[in-house]
PDB file of N, CA and C in Angstrom:
ATOM      1  N   MET A   1     154.387  69.521-152.626  1.00  0.00           N
ATOM      2  CA  MET A   1     152.998  69.971-152.470  1.00  0.00           C
ATOM      3  C   MET A   1     152.606  69.794-151.052  1.00  0.00           C
ATOM      4  N   ASP A   2     152.167  70.873-150.375  1.00  0.00           N
ATOM      5  CA  ASP A   2     151.824  70.889-148.972  1.00  0.00           C
ATOM      6  C   ASP A   2     150.329  70.757-148.814  1.00  0.00           C
ATOM      7  N   ILE A   3     149.882  69.483-148.663  1.00  0.00           N
ATOM      8  CA  ILE A   3     148.399  69.176-148.516  1.00  0.00           C
ATOM      9  C   ILE A   3     147.895  69.783-147.205  1.00  0.00           C
ATOM     10  N   GLN A   4     148.711  69.914-146.188  1.00  0.00           N
ATOM     11  CA  GLN A   4     148.254  70.417-144.894  1.00  0.00           C
ATOM     12  C   GLN A   4     147.723  71.828-145.006  1.00  0.00           C
ATOM     13  N   LYS A   5     148.218  72.573-145.996  1.00  0.00           N
ATOM     14  CA  LYS A   5     147.763  73.971-146.214  1.00  0.00           C
ATOM     15  C   LYS A   5     146.273  73.976-146.561  1.00  0.00           C
ATOM     16  N   ILE A   6     145.788  72.940-147.163  1.00  0.00           N
ATOM     17  CA  ILE A   6     144.427  72.965-147.633  1.00  0.00           C
ATOM     18  C   ILE A   6     143.481  72.056-146.851  1.00  0.00           C
ATOM     19  N   LYS A   7     143.915  71.535-145.715  1.00  0.00           N
ATOM     20  CA  LYS A   7     143.025  70.669-144.908  1.00  0.00           C
ATOM     21  C   LYS A   7     141.787  71.310-144.486  1.00  0.00           C
ATOM     22  N   LYS A   8     141.772  72.684-144.353  1.00  0.00           N
ATOM     23  CA  LYS A   8     140.561  73.418-143.967  1.00  0.00           C
ATOM     24  C   LYS A   8     139.498  73.350-145.006  1.00  0.00           C
ATOM     25  N   ILE A   9     139.799  72.844-146.235  1.00  0.00           N
ATOM     26  CA  ILE A   9     138.858  72.663-147.272  1.00  0.00           C
ATOM     27  C   ILE A   9     137.648  71.811-146.809  1.00  0.00           C
ATOM     28  N   GLU A  10     137.933  70.902-145.823  1.00  0.00           N
ATOM     29  CA  GLU A  10     136.884  69.993-145.372  1.00  0.00           C
ATOM     30  C   GLU A  10     135.784  70.653-144.657  1.00  0.00           C
ATOM     31  N   LYS A  11     136.006  71.905-144.275  1.00  0.00           N
ATOM     32  CA  LYS A  11     134.905  72.635-143.491  1.00  0.00           C
ATOM     33  C   LYS A  11     134.441  73.865-144.242  1.00  0.00           C
ATOM     34  N   LYS A  12     134.850  74.012-145.501  1.00  0.00           N
ATOM     35  CA  LYS A  12     134.516  75.265-146.235  1.00  0.00           C
ATOM     36  C   LYS A  12     133.680  74.941-147.495  1.00  0.00           C
ATOM     37  N   ILE A  13     133.086  76.037-147.962  1.00  0.00           N
ATOM     38  CA  ILE A  13     132.411  75.969-149.256  1.00  0.00           C
ATOM     39  C   ILE A  13     133.486  76.160-150.306  1.00  0.00           C
ATOM     40  N   VAL A  14     133.511  75.317-151.311  1.00  0.00           N
ATOM     41  CA  VAL A  14     134.535  75.330-152.335  1.00  0.00           C
ATOM     42  C   VAL A  14     133.855  75.584-153.719  1.00  0.00           C
ATOM     43  N   ALA A  15     134.460  76.421-154.513  1.00  0.00           N
ATOM     44  CA  ALA A  15     134.029  76.629-155.899  1.00  0.00           C
ATOM     45  C   ALA A  15     134.792  75.594-156.783  1.00  0.00           C
ATOM     46  N   ILE A  16     134.062  74.898-157.624  1.00  0.00           N
ATOM     47  CA  ILE A  16     134.734  73.975-158.552  1.00  0.00           C
ATOM     48  C   ILE A  16     134.387  74.376-159.928  1.00  0.00           C
ATOM     49  N   ALA A  17     135.420  74.633-160.814  1.00  0.00           N
ATOM     50  CA  ALA A  17     135.159  75.082-162.186  1.00  0.00           C
ATOM     51  C   ALA A  17     135.507  73.912-163.129  1.00  0.00           C
ATOM     52  N   THR A  18     134.639  73.737-164.115  1.00  0.00           N
ATOM     53  CA  THR A  18     134.796  72.749-165.157  1.00  0.00           C
ATOM     54  C   THR A  18     134.488  73.487-166.534  1.00  0.00           C
ATOM     55  N   VAL A  19     134.703  72.839-167.634  1.00  0.00           N
ATOM     56  CA  VAL A  19     134.317  73.369-168.932  1.00  0.00           C
ATOM     57  C   VAL A  19     133.611  72.330-169.710  1.00  0.00           C
ATOM     58  N   ASP A  20     132.649  72.813-170.543  1.00  0.00           N
ATOM     59  CA  ASP A  20     131.869  71.852-171.330  1.00  0.00           C
ATOM     60  C   ASP A  20     132.574  71.544-172.660  1.00  0.00           C
ATOM     61  N   LYS A  21     131.908  70.812-173.579  1.00  0.00           N
ATOM     62  CA  LYS A  21     132.548  70.395-174.892  1.00  0.00           C
ATOM     63  C   LYS A  21     132.910  71.578-175.724  1.00  0.00           C
ATOM     64  N   LYS A  22     132.192  72.715-175.533  1.00  0.00           N
ATOM     65  CA  LYS A  22     132.494  73.893-176.338  1.00  0.00           C
ATOM     66  C   LYS A  22     133.412  74.905-175.577  1.00  0.00           C
ATOM     67  N   ASN A  23     134.013  74.387-174.519  1.00  0.00           N
ATOM     68  CA  ASN A  23     134.901  75.208-173.698  1.00  0.00           C
ATOM     69  C   ASN A  23     134.250  76.354-172.950  1.00  0.00           C
ATOM     70  N   LYS A  24     132.904  76.187-172.746  1.00  0.00           N
ATOM     71  CA  LYS A  24     132.225  77.151-171.954  1.00  0.00           C
ATOM     72  C   LYS A  24     132.404  76.816-170.498  1.00  0.00           C
ATOM     73  N   PRO A  25     132.844  77.804-169.660  1.00  0.00           N
ATOM     74  CA  PRO A  25     133.070  77.471-168.260  1.00  0.00           C
ATOM     75  C   PRO A  25     131.778  77.271-167.452  1.00  0.00           C
ATOM     76  N   HIS A  26     131.918  76.490-166.438  1.00  0.00           N
ATOM     77  CA  HIS A  26     130.814  76.140-165.483  1.00  0.00           C
ATOM     78  C   HIS A  26     131.355  76.119-164.109  1.00  0.00           C
ATOM     79  N   ASN A  27     130.733  76.734-163.120  1.00  0.00           N
ATOM     80  CA  ASN A  27     131.258  76.836-161.790  1.00  0.00           C
ATOM     81  C   ASN A  27     130.102  76.619-160.812  1.00  0.00           C
ATOM     82  N   ILE A  28     130.352  75.777-159.785  1.00  0.00           N
ATOM     83  CA  ILE A  28     129.357  75.611-158.732  1.00  0.00           C
ATOM     84  C   ILE A  28     130.055  75.681-157.355  1.00  0.00           C
ATOM     85  N   ALA A  29     129.266  75.851-156.340  1.00  0.00           N
ATOM     86  CA  ALA A  29     129.770  75.777-154.995  1.00  0.00           C
ATOM     87  C   ALA A  29     129.299  74.472-154.310  1.00  0.00           C
ATOM     88  N   ILE A  30     130.240  73.858-153.587  1.00  0.00           N
ATOM     89  CA  ILE A  30     129.958  72.622-152.892  1.00  0.00           C
ATOM     90  C   ILE A  30     130.664  72.630-151.532  1.00  0.00           C
ATOM     91  N   GLN A  31     129.913  71.998-150.535  1.00  0.00           N
ATOM     92  CA  GLN A  31     130.468  72.073-149.174  1.00  0.00           C
ATOM     93  C   GLN A  31     130.933  70.711-148.687  1.00  0.00           C
ATOM     94  N   ILE A  32     130.486  69.621-149.223  1.00  0.00           N
ATOM     95  CA  ILE A  32     130.829  68.286-148.664  1.00  0.00           C
ATOM     96  C   ILE A  32     132.139  67.814-149.331  1.00  0.00           C
ATOM     97  N   ASN A  33     133.242  68.080-148.710  1.00  0.00           N
ATOM     98  CA  ASN A  33     134.574  67.766-149.242  1.00  0.00           C
ATOM     99  C   ASN A  33     135.421  67.087-148.206  1.00  0.00           C
ATOM    100  N   LYS A  34     136.247  66.130-148.667  1.00  0.00           N
ATOM    101  CA  LYS A  34     137.160  65.467-147.808  1.00  0.00           C
ATOM    102  C   LYS A  34     138.513  65.363-148.508  1.00  0.00           C
ATOM    103  N   ILE A  35     139.573  65.282-147.750  1.00  0.00           N
ATOM    104  CA  ILE A  35     140.911  65.052-148.334  1.00  0.00           C
ATOM    105  C   ILE A  35     141.380  63.711-147.833  1.00  0.00           C
ATOM    106  N   GLN A  36     141.904  62.944-148.748  1.00  0.00           N
ATOM    107  CA  GLN A  36     142.512  61.586-148.460  1.00  0.00           C
ATOM    108  C   GLN A  36     143.810  61.589-149.215  1.00  0.00           C
ATOM    109  N   GLY A  37     144.942  61.692-148.509  1.00  0.00           N
ATOM    110  CA  GLY A  37     146.238  61.655-149.197  1.00  0.00           C
ATOM    111  C   GLY A  37     146.342  62.888-150.099  1.00  0.00           C
ATOM    112  N   ASP A  38     146.615  62.639-151.442  1.00  0.00           N
ATOM    113  CA  ASP A  38     146.745  63.719-152.382  1.00  0.00           C
ATOM    114  C   ASP A  38     145.448  63.824-153.192  1.00  0.00           C
ATOM    115  N   LYS A  39     144.388  63.420-152.676  1.00  0.00           N
ATOM    116  CA  LYS A  39     143.113  63.453-153.383  1.00  0.00           C
ATOM    117  C   LYS A  39     142.039  64.260-152.600  1.00  0.00           C
ATOM    118  N   ILE A  40     141.193  64.972-153.375  1.00  0.00           N
ATOM    119  CA  ILE A  40     140.041  65.633-152.780  1.00  0.00           C
ATOM    120  C   ILE A  40     138.846  64.825-153.175  1.00  0.00           C
ATOM    121  N   ILE A  41     137.963  64.528-152.226  1.00  0.00           N
ATOM    122  CA  ILE A  41     136.730  63.726-152.539  1.00  0.00           C
ATOM    123  C   ILE A  41     135.504  64.725-152.365  1.00  0.00           C
ATOM    124  N   LEU A  42     134.768  64.827-153.486  1.00  0.00           N
ATOM    125  CA  LEU A  42     133.549  65.639-153.464  1.00  0.00           C
ATOM    126  C   LEU A  42     132.327  64.696-153.623  1.00  0.00           C
ATOM    127  N   THR A  43     131.243  65.055-152.981  1.00  0.00           N
ATOM    128  CA  THR A  43     130.019  64.214-153.106  1.00  0.00           C
ATOM    129  C   THR A  43     129.095  64.864-154.220  1.00  0.00           C
ATOM    130  N   ASP A  44     128.606  64.011-155.073  1.00  0.00           N
ATOM    131  CA  ASP A  44     127.590  64.393-156.095  1.00  0.00           C
ATOM    132  C   ASP A  44     126.228  64.213-155.461  1.00  0.00           C
ATOM    133  N   ASN A  45     125.639  65.255-154.927  1.00  0.00           N
ATOM    134  CA  ASN A  45     124.280  65.173-154.458  1.00  0.00           C
ATOM    135  C   ASN A  45     123.254  65.640-155.501  1.00  0.00           C
ATOM    136  N   TYR A  46     123.546  66.698-156.149  1.00  0.00           N
ATOM    137  CA  TYR A  46     122.641  67.308-157.063  1.00  0.00           C
ATOM    138  C   TYR A  46     123.280  67.812-158.382  1.00  0.00           C
ATOM    139  N   MET A  47     124.463  67.321-158.678  1.00  0.00           N
ATOM    140  CA  MET A  47     125.160  67.770-159.888  1.00  0.00           C
ATOM    141  C   MET A  47     124.678  67.138-161.168  1.00  0.00           C
ATOM    142  N   LYS A  48     124.730  67.972-162.220  1.00  0.00           N
ATOM    143  CA  LYS A  48     124.387  67.377-163.557  1.00  0.00           C
ATOM    144  C   LYS A  48     125.483  67.850-164.514  1.00  0.00           C
ATOM    145  N   LEU A  49     125.528  69.188-164.788  1.00  0.00           N
ATOM    146  CA  LEU A  49     126.512  69.713-165.709  1.00  0.00           C
ATOM    147  C   LEU A  49     127.942  69.452-165.273  1.00  0.00           C
ATOM    148  N   THR A  50     128.244  69.594-164.057  1.00  0.00           N
ATOM    149  CA  THR A  50     129.556  69.365-163.529  1.00  0.00           C
ATOM    150  C   THR A  50     129.975  67.935-163.853  1.00  0.00           C
ATOM    151  N   VAL A  51     129.153  66.969-163.627  1.00  0.00           N
ATOM    152  CA  VAL A  51     129.418  65.535-163.891  1.00  0.00           C
ATOM    153  C   VAL A  51     129.686  65.362-165.365  1.00  0.00           C
ATOM    154  N   GLU A  52     128.744  65.896-166.195  1.00  0.00           N
ATOM    155  CA  GLU A  52     128.897  65.775-167.646  1.00  0.00           C
ATOM    156  C   GLU A  52     130.274  66.347-168.122  1.00  0.00           C
ATOM    157  N   ASN A  53     130.589  67.516-167.585  1.00  0.00           N
ATOM    158  CA  ASN A  53     131.847  68.190-168.008  1.00  0.00           C
ATOM    159  C   ASN A  53     133.024  67.388-167.562  1.00  0.00           C
ATOM    160  N   ILE A  54     133.063  66.821-166.356  1.00  0.00           N
ATOM    161  CA  ILE A  54     134.228  66.034-165.929  1.00  0.00           C
ATOM    162  C   ILE A  54     134.334  64.764-166.781  1.00  0.00           C
ATOM    163  N   LYS A  55     133.258  64.144-167.177  1.00  0.00           N
ATOM    164  CA  LYS A  55     133.339  62.993-168.051  1.00  0.00           C
ATOM    165  C   LYS A  55     133.944  63.335-169.435  1.00  0.00           C
ATOM    166  N   ASN A  56     133.789  64.571-169.910  1.00  0.00           N
ATOM    167  CA  ASN A  56     134.335  64.981-171.146  1.00  0.00           C
ATOM    168  C   ASN A  56     135.738  65.594-171.062  1.00  0.00           C
ATOM    169  N   ASN A  57     135.998  66.224-169.943  1.00  0.00           N
ATOM    170  CA  ASN A  57     137.321  66.914-169.711  1.00  0.00           C
ATOM    171  C   ASN A  57     137.602  66.834-168.182  1.00  0.00           C
ATOM    172  N   PRO A  58     138.583  66.033-167.775  1.00  0.00           N
ATOM    173  CA  PRO A  58     138.794  65.875-166.335  1.00  0.00           C
ATOM    174  C   PRO A  58     139.467  66.968-165.630  1.00  0.00           C
ATOM    175  N   ASN A  59     140.024  68.000-166.366  1.00  0.00           N
ATOM    176  CA  ASN A  59     140.691  69.052-165.709  1.00  0.00           C
ATOM    177  C   ASN A  59     139.726  69.983-164.952  1.00  0.00           C
ATOM    178  N   VAL A  60     140.023  70.198-163.683  1.00  0.00           N
ATOM    179  CA  VAL A  60     139.179  71.038-162.865  1.00  0.00           C
ATOM    180  C   VAL A  60     140.045  71.996-162.024  1.00  0.00           C
ATOM    181  N   SER A  61     139.433  73.073-161.548  1.00  0.00           N
ATOM    182  CA  SER A  61     140.071  73.989-160.701  1.00  0.00           C
ATOM    183  C   SER A  61     139.115  74.328-159.525  1.00  0.00           C
ATOM    184  N   LEU A  62     139.616  74.298-158.332  1.00  0.00           N
ATOM    185  CA  LEU A  62     138.817  74.618-157.141  1.00  0.00           C
ATOM    186  C   LEU A  62     139.444  75.890-156.452  1.00  0.00           C
ATOM    187  N   VAL A  63     138.585  76.678-155.867  1.00  0.00           N
ATOM    188  CA  VAL A  63     139.003  77.811-155.154  1.00  0.00           C
ATOM    189  C   VAL A  63     138.254  77.866-153.810  1.00  0.00           C
ATOM    190  N   PHE A  64     139.013  78.157-152.772  1.00  0.00           N
ATOM    191  CA  PHE A  64     138.430  78.340-151.443  1.00  0.00           C
ATOM    192  C   PHE A  64     139.242  79.291-150.634  1.00  0.00           C
ATOM    193  N   TRP A  65     138.698  79.840-149.606  1.00  0.00           N
ATOM    194  CA  TRP A  65     139.370  80.792-148.739  1.00  0.00           C
ATOM    195  C   TRP A  65     138.907  80.561-147.309  1.00  0.00           C
ATOM    196  N   HIS A  66     139.730  81.004-146.388  1.00  0.00           N
ATOM    197  CA  HIS A  66     139.396  80.826-144.976  1.00  0.00           C
ATOM    198  C   HIS A  66     140.063  81.944-144.183  1.00  0.00           C
ATOM    199  N   GLY A  67     139.717  82.090-142.928  1.00  0.00           N
ATOM    200  CA  GLY A  67     140.331  83.085-142.047  1.00  0.00           C
ATOM    201  C   GLY A  67     139.359  84.195-141.754  1.00  0.00           C
ATOM    202  N   LYS A  68     139.794  85.031-140.806  1.00  0.00           N
ATOM    203  CA  LYS A  68     138.986  86.207-140.386  1.00  0.00           C
ATOM    204  C   LYS A  68     139.009  87.304-141.425  1.00  0.00           C
ATOM    205  N   GLU A  69     137.922  88.041-141.449  1.00  0.00           N
ATOM    206  CA  GLU A  69     137.850  89.133-142.397  1.00  0.00           C
ATOM    207  C   GLU A  69     139.024  90.089-142.298  1.00  0.00           C
ATOM    208  N   GLY A  70     139.660  90.330-143.461  1.00  0.00           N
ATOM    209  CA  GLY A  70     140.799  91.200-143.451  1.00  0.00           C
ATOM    210  C   GLY A  70     142.119  90.350-143.372  1.00  0.00           C
ATOM    211  N   ALA A  71     141.995  89.119-142.998  1.00  0.00           N
ATOM    212  CA  ALA A  71     143.207  88.231-142.863  1.00  0.00           C
ATOM    213  C   ALA A  71     142.937  86.897-143.547  1.00  0.00           C
ATOM    214  N   GLU A  72     142.071  86.918-144.610  1.00  0.00           N
ATOM    215  CA  GLU A  72     141.766  85.650-145.260  1.00  0.00           C
ATOM    216  C   GLU A  72     142.975  85.159-146.062  1.00  0.00           C
ATOM    217  N   LYS A  73     142.991  83.843-146.233  1.00  0.00           N
ATOM    218  CA  LYS A  73     143.939  83.208-147.181  1.00  0.00           C
ATOM    219  C   LYS A  73     143.072  82.456-148.150  1.00  0.00           C
ATOM    220  N   GLY A  74     143.488  82.546-149.434  1.00  0.00           N
ATOM    221  CA  GLY A  74     142.792  81.821-150.479  1.00  0.00           C
ATOM    222  C   GLY A  74     143.751  80.830-151.128  1.00  0.00           C
ATOM    223  N   TYR A  75     143.173  79.812-151.768  1.00  0.00           N
ATOM    224  CA  TYR A  75     143.931  78.793-152.486  1.00  0.00           C
ATOM    225  C   TYR A  75     143.231  78.389-153.774  1.00  0.00           C
ATOM    226  N   ARG A  76     143.989  78.176-154.783  1.00  0.00           N
ATOM    227  CA  ARG A  76     143.510  77.595-155.979  1.00  0.00           C
ATOM    228  C   ARG A  76     144.158  76.223-156.102  1.00  0.00           C
ATOM    229  N   ILE A  77     143.306  75.253-156.379  1.00  0.00           N
ATOM    230  CA  ILE A  77     143.818  73.859-156.511  1.00  0.00           C
ATOM    231  C   ILE A  77     143.397  73.322-157.877  1.00  0.00           C
ATOM    232  N   ASP A  78     144.420  72.956-158.657  1.00  0.00           N
ATOM    233  CA  ASP A  78     144.164  72.374-159.965  1.00  0.00           C
ATOM    234  C   ASP A  78     144.365  70.900-159.936  1.00  0.00           C
ATOM    235  N   GLY A  79     143.608  70.163-160.734  1.00  0.00           N
ATOM    236  CA  GLY A  79     143.766  68.742-160.695  1.00  0.00           C
ATOM    237  C   GLY A  79     142.944  68.032-161.801  1.00  0.00           C
ATOM    238  N   LYS A  80     142.985  66.717-161.739  1.00  0.00           N
ATOM    239  CA  LYS A  80     142.223  65.891-162.697  1.00  0.00           C
ATOM    240  C   LYS A  80     141.195  65.138-161.882  1.00  0.00           C
ATOM    241  N   ALA A  81     139.970  65.227-162.394  1.00  0.00           N
ATOM    242  CA  ALA A  81     138.821  64.581-161.671  1.00  0.00           C
ATOM    243  C   ALA A  81     138.354  63.367-162.388  1.00  0.00           C
ATOM    244  N   GLU A  82     137.870  62.415-161.575  1.00  0.00           N
ATOM    245  CA  GLU A  82     137.264  61.197-162.083  1.00  0.00           C
ATOM    246  C   GLU A  82     135.924  61.024-161.360  1.00  0.00           C
ATOM    247  N   TYR A  83     134.908  60.607-162.093  1.00  0.00           N
ATOM    248  CA  TYR A  83     133.546  60.442-161.492  1.00  0.00           C
ATOM    249  C   TYR A  83     133.281  58.991-161.274  1.00  0.00           C
ATOM    250  N   PHE A  84     132.716  58.653-160.104  1.00  0.00           N
ATOM    251  CA  PHE A  84     132.314  57.286-159.801  1.00  0.00           C
ATOM    252  C   PHE A  84     130.851  57.294-159.425  1.00  0.00           C
ATOM    253  N   ASP A  85     130.065  56.404-160.019  1.00  0.00           N
ATOM    254  CA  ASP A  85     128.652  56.286-159.575  1.00  0.00           C
ATOM    255  C   ASP A  85     128.405  54.943-158.875  1.00  0.00           C
ATOM    256  N   SER A  86     129.409  54.161-158.601  1.00  0.00           N
ATOM    257  CA  SER A  86     129.338  52.980-157.802  1.00  0.00           C
ATOM    258  C   SER A  86     130.776  52.621-157.282  1.00  0.00           C
ATOM    259  N   GLY A  87     130.739  51.734-156.369  1.00  0.00           N
ATOM    260  CA  GLY A  87     132.057  51.235-155.854  1.00  0.00           C
ATOM    261  C   GLY A  87     132.544  51.891-154.548  1.00  0.00           C
ATOM    262  N   GLU A  88     133.817  51.711-154.253  1.00  0.00           N
ATOM    263  CA  GLU A  88     134.398  52.090-152.998  1.00  0.00           C
ATOM    264  C   GLU A  88     134.226  53.540-152.695  1.00  0.00           C
ATOM    265  N   TRP A  89     134.435  54.412-153.645  1.00  0.00           N
ATOM    266  CA  TRP A  89     134.363  55.888-153.387  1.00  0.00           C
ATOM    267  C   TRP A  89     132.866  56.333-153.145  1.00  0.00           C
ATOM    268  N   VAL A  90     131.970  55.735-153.807  1.00  0.00           N
ATOM    269  CA  VAL A  90     130.529  56.061-153.562  1.00  0.00           C
ATOM    270  C   VAL A  90     130.108  55.543-152.172  1.00  0.00           C
ATOM    271  N   ASP A  91     130.577  54.357-151.799  1.00  0.00           N
ATOM    272  CA  ASP A  91     130.307  53.856-150.462  1.00  0.00           C
ATOM    273  C   ASP A  91     130.885  54.793-149.425  1.00  0.00           C
ATOM    274  N   PHE A  92     132.088  55.369-149.694  1.00  0.00           N
ATOM    275  CA  PHE A  92     132.760  56.300-148.806  1.00  0.00           C
ATOM    276  C   PHE A  92     131.922  57.561-148.596  1.00  0.00           C
ATOM    277  N   VAL A  93     131.422  58.157-149.691  1.00  0.00           N
ATOM    278  CA  VAL A  93     130.655  59.395-149.489  1.00  0.00           C
ATOM    279  C   VAL A  93     129.286  59.151-148.904  1.00  0.00           C
ATOM    280  N   LYS A  94     128.709  57.972-149.232  1.00  0.00           N
ATOM    281  CA  LYS A  94     127.412  57.663-148.621  1.00  0.00           C
ATOM    282  C   LYS A  94     127.555  57.514-147.100  1.00  0.00           C
ATOM    283  N   GLY A  95     128.751  57.096-146.666  1.00  0.00           N
ATOM    284  CA  GLY A  95     128.983  56.869-145.220  1.00  0.00           C
ATOM    285  C   GLY A  95     129.320  58.151-144.436  1.00  0.00           C
ATOM    286  N   LEU A  96     129.556  59.257-145.189  1.00  0.00           N
ATOM    287  CA  LEU A  96     129.852  60.471-144.442  1.00  0.00           C
ATOM    288  C   LEU A  96     128.662  61.055-143.668  1.00  0.00           C
ATOM    289  N   LYS A  97     128.908  61.430-142.423  1.00  0.00           N
ATOM    290  CA  LYS A  97     127.891  62.004-141.569  1.00  0.00           C
ATOM    291  C   LYS A  97     127.250  63.220-142.248  1.00  0.00           C
ATOM    292  N   GLU A  98     128.122  64.040-142.919  1.00  0.00           N
ATOM    293  CA  GLU A  98     127.638  65.215-143.602  1.00  0.00           C
ATOM    294  C   GLU A  98     126.602  64.969-144.690  1.00  0.00           C
ATOM    295  N   ASN A  99     126.561  63.715-145.202  1.00  0.00           N
ATOM    296  CA  ASN A  99     125.659  63.422-146.286  1.00  0.00           C
ATOM    297  C   ASN A  99     124.332  62.801-145.823  1.00  0.00           C
ATOM    298  N   GLU A 100     124.096  62.677-144.527  1.00  0.00           N
ATOM    299  CA  GLU A 100     122.876  62.176-144.010  1.00  0.00           C
ATOM    300  C   GLU A 100     121.728  63.031-144.529  1.00  0.00           C
ATOM    301  N   GLY A 101     120.767  62.397-145.103  1.00  0.00           N
ATOM    302  CA  GLY A 101     119.566  63.089-145.689  1.00  0.00           C
ATOM    303  C   GLY A 101     119.792  63.553-147.115  1.00  0.00           C
ATOM    304  N   TYR A 102     120.920  63.321-147.722  1.00  0.00           N
ATOM    305  CA  TYR A 102     121.206  63.697-149.079  1.00  0.00           C
ATOM    306  C   TYR A 102     121.341  62.388-149.896  1.00  0.00           C
ATOM    307  N   PRO A 103     121.150  62.537-151.217  1.00  0.00           N
ATOM    308  CA  PRO A 103     121.212  61.366-152.076  1.00  0.00           C
ATOM    309  C   PRO A 103     122.568  60.693-152.283  1.00  0.00           C
ATOM    310  N   ALA A 104     123.640  61.464-152.194  1.00  0.00           N
ATOM    311  CA  ALA A 104     124.999  60.961-152.443  1.00  0.00           C
ATOM    312  C   ALA A 104     125.038  60.016-153.659  1.00  0.00           C
ATOM    313  N   LYS A 105     124.690  60.559-154.809  1.00  0.00           N
ATOM    314  CA  LYS A 105     124.549  59.775-156.090  1.00  0.00           C
ATOM    315  C   LYS A 105     125.917  59.289-156.593  1.00  0.00           C
ATOM    316  N   GLY A 106     126.965  60.011-156.255  1.00  0.00           N
ATOM    317  CA  GLY A 106     128.285  59.659-156.802  1.00  0.00           C
ATOM    318  C   GLY A 106     129.364  60.391-156.099  1.00  0.00           C
ATOM    319  N   ALA A 107     130.590  60.062-156.482  1.00  0.00           N
ATOM    320  CA  ALA A 107     131.783  60.710-155.891  1.00  0.00           C
ATOM    321  C   ALA A 107     132.686  61.241-157.002  1.00  0.00           C
ATOM    322  N   ILE A 108     133.280  62.396-156.779  1.00  0.00           N
ATOM    323  CA  ILE A 108     134.236  62.982-157.674  1.00  0.00           C
ATOM    324  C   ILE A 108     135.527  62.930-156.894  1.00  0.00           C
ATOM    325  N   ILE A 109     136.498  62.288-157.501  1.00  0.00           N
ATOM    326  CA  ILE A 109     137.834  62.149-156.925  1.00  0.00           C
ATOM    327  C   ILE A 109     138.775  63.017-157.738  1.00  0.00           C
ATOM    328  N   ILE A 110     139.424  63.996-157.057  1.00  0.00           N
ATOM    329  CA  ILE A 110     140.292  64.885-157.725  1.00  0.00           C
ATOM    330  C   ILE A 110     141.742  64.644-157.298  1.00  0.00           C
ATOM    331  N   LYS A 111     142.591  64.235-158.212  1.00  0.00           N
ATOM    332  CA  LYS A 111     144.016  64.043-157.949  1.00  0.00           C
ATOM    333  C   LYS A 111     144.630  65.471-158.092  1.00  0.00           C
ATOM    334  N   ILE A 112     145.180  65.958-157.038  1.00  0.00           N
ATOM    335  CA  ILE A 112     145.750  67.287-157.023  1.00  0.00           C
ATOM    336  C   ILE A 112     147.059  67.356-157.795  1.00  0.00           C
ATOM    337  N   ASN A 113     147.118  68.356-158.734  1.00  0.00           N
ATOM    338  CA  ASN A 113     148.324  68.581-159.506  1.00  0.00           C
ATOM    339  C   ASN A 113     149.095  69.773-158.957  1.00  0.00           C
ATOM    340  N   GLU A 114     148.377  70.846-158.502  1.00  0.00           N
ATOM    341  CA  GLU A 114     149.038  72.033-158.020  1.00  0.00           C
ATOM    342  C   GLU A 114     148.194  72.758-156.989  1.00  0.00           C
ATOM    343  N   ILE A 115     148.821  73.334-156.013  1.00  0.00           N
ATOM    344  CA  ILE A 115     148.149  74.111-155.037  1.00  0.00           C
ATOM    345  C   ILE A 115     148.800  75.530-155.113  1.00  0.00           C
ATOM    346  N   LYS A 116     148.062  76.573-155.302  1.00  0.00           N
ATOM    347  CA  LYS A 116     148.571  77.917-155.422  1.00  0.00           C
ATOM    348  C   LYS A 116     147.887  78.802-154.392  1.00  0.00           C
ATOM    349  N   GLU A 117     148.688  79.453-153.526  1.00  0.00           N
ATOM    350  CA  GLU A 117     148.176  80.394-152.544  1.00  0.00           C
ATOM    351  C   GLU A 117     147.827  81.721-153.280  1.00  0.00           C
ATOM    352  N   LEU A 118     146.643  82.205-152.973  1.00  0.00           N
ATOM    353  CA  LEU A 118     146.171  83.419-153.622  1.00  0.00           C
ATOM    354  C   LEU A 118     146.328  84.596-152.683  1.00  0.00           C
ATOM    355  N   GLY A 119     146.493  85.814-153.315  1.00  0.00           N
ATOM    356  CA  GLY A 119     146.508  87.020-152.557  1.00  0.00           C
ATOM    357  C   GLY A 119     147.815  87.440-152.084  1.00  0.00           C
TER     358      GLY A 119
END
C-alpha cells in the first residue's frame, strides 16, 4: 500500500461515506484531514450522522481527487473507522492549526485497508 500517493489528502476536501443501521448511505465532505502512518485522522467539528454510523458500522470509504483540470487523479480509500471523544487523538486534532476557531469535538481514526486509483 503506497501511502505517499494519498499524502495530498491533507490539503483537499474529502468525501467520506458511511451507512446507517438500515444500510442507507450517508456522505459528507470534510477538509481537516491528516495522515499518520497507515491511518487517516479526521476532525469531528459538526458531525452527527457520520459519528452515529461509524459507531454502528466502522466500514468507511473516502474519495478525493487532485491535479489540474483535465489531468486530475482520483483515489478511493477503504478502511475501518474508530471514533474518539477524549484522549490522545482528540488532543491531537484540538492542537491542529487548521482547527483554530472550531469545536474539534472528536477524532475519527481510519485504518486504511485499500487504496484504489480512480480513472
